[in-house]
Amino acid sequence: MKLNKKQAEEEIKNFFEDIKNKTPAQIRKLKRLAMHHKIRLGEKRKLFCKYCYSPRLKVVRITGKIKTIKCESCDKLMRWKIK
């Protein structure tokens, strides 16, 4: 079934309501859908690991305006600016 851009945006919105119960394969598939339709994920991209797509993230430290996040699956560190 092909989706138009509006339907894809709705599917992405519904997907992120329950992100903690999703598998990395499902997240990878949804990210590909967003890229195909040129939909920006924005702040939603911080809800999963950018390396293994796992939703299991943990805050390690906050230093100044930088938040360091650690993935519990692959042990990679990600650093994000705090607004």
Protein backbone atom coordinates (compact mmCIF):
# COMPACT_ATOMS: atom_id res chain seq x y z
CA MET A 1 0.00 0.00 0.00
CA LYS A 2 1.43 3.38 -1.00
CA LEU A 3 1.07 6.32 1.34
CA ASN A 4 0.92 9.96 0.43
CA LYS A 5 2.85 12.52 2.48
CA LYS A 6 -0.10 13.40 4.75
CA GLN A 7 -0.75 9.73 5.59
CA ALA A 8 2.96 9.18 6.25
CA GLU A 9 3.05 12.14 8.67
CA GLU A 10 0.06 10.70 10.53
CA GLU A 11 1.68 7.26 10.72
CA ILE A 12 4.92 8.77 12.07
CA LYS A 13 2.99 10.75 14.69
CA ASN A 14 1.15 7.62 15.87
CA PHE A 15 4.37 5.58 15.88
CA PHE A 16 6.21 7.89 18.28
CA GLU A 17 3.40 7.83 20.87
CA ASP A 18 4.59 4.36 21.97
CA ILE A 19 8.28 4.36 20.98
CA LYS A 20 9.54 2.40 24.03
CA ASN A 21 7.81 -0.80 22.87
CA LYS A 22 9.22 -0.72 19.32
CA THR A 23 12.06 -2.80 17.90
CA PRO A 24 15.08 -1.31 16.10
CA ALA A 25 13.84 -2.84 12.83
CA GLN A 26 10.51 -1.00 13.15
CA ILE A 27 12.31 2.28 13.92
CA ARG A 28 14.64 1.83 10.93
CA LYS A 29 11.64 1.20 8.67
CA LEU A 30 9.85 4.31 9.93
CA LYS A 31 12.96 6.47 9.47
CA ARG A 32 13.21 5.27 5.85
CA LEU A 33 9.54 6.20 5.37
CA ALA A 34 10.24 9.70 6.70
CA MET A 35 13.29 10.10 4.46
CA HIS A 36 11.35 8.89 1.41
CA HIS A 37 8.64 11.53 1.95
CA LYS A 38 11.16 14.22 3.08
CA ILE A 39 9.54 14.51 6.51
CA ARG A 40 11.77 15.95 9.23
CA LEU A 41 11.73 14.07 12.52
CA GLY A 42 13.12 17.03 14.48
CA GLU A 43 13.17 16.36 18.22
CA LYS A 44 11.76 12.86 17.68
CA ARG A 45 15.14 11.67 16.39
CA LYS A 46 16.47 12.01 19.94
CA LEU A 47 14.14 9.23 21.13
CA PHE A 48 16.26 6.45 19.60
CA CYS A 49 19.95 5.64 19.11
CA LYS A 50 21.39 6.95 15.85
CA TYR A 51 23.71 3.94 15.55
CA CYS A 52 21.56 0.88 16.36
CA TYR A 53 18.05 2.49 16.37
CA SER A 54 17.27 1.14 19.85
CA PRO A 55 14.84 3.21 21.96
CA ARG A 56 16.71 2.28 25.18
CA LEU A 57 18.58 5.49 26.05
CA LYS A 58 19.89 6.74 29.38
CA VAL A 59 21.15 10.20 30.41
CA VAL A 60 24.76 9.92 31.61
CA ARG A 61 25.59 13.53 32.46
CA ILE A 62 24.67 17.13 31.84
CA THR A 63 27.64 19.50 31.61
CA GLY A 64 26.93 23.14 30.86
CA LYS A 65 24.71 23.12 27.79
CA ILE A 66 25.60 19.59 26.63
CA LYS A 67 23.58 16.50 27.52
CA THR A 68 25.37 13.16 27.13
CA ILE A 69 23.17 10.16 26.37
CA LYS A 70 24.26 6.50 26.40
CA CYS A 71 22.55 3.74 24.45
CA GLU A 72 21.94 0.72 26.67
CA SER A 73 22.10 -1.65 23.69
CA CYS A 74 25.32 -0.67 21.92
CA ASP A 75 26.98 1.49 24.64
CA LYS A 76 27.59 4.39 22.22
CA LEU A 77 27.54 7.96 23.52
CA MET A 78 25.63 10.79 21.90
CA ARG A 79 25.95 14.47 22.83
CA TRP A 80 23.10 16.93 22.33
CA LYS A 81 22.86 20.66 22.98
CA ILE A 82 20.29 21.74 25.54
CA LYS A 83 18.15 24.67 24.46
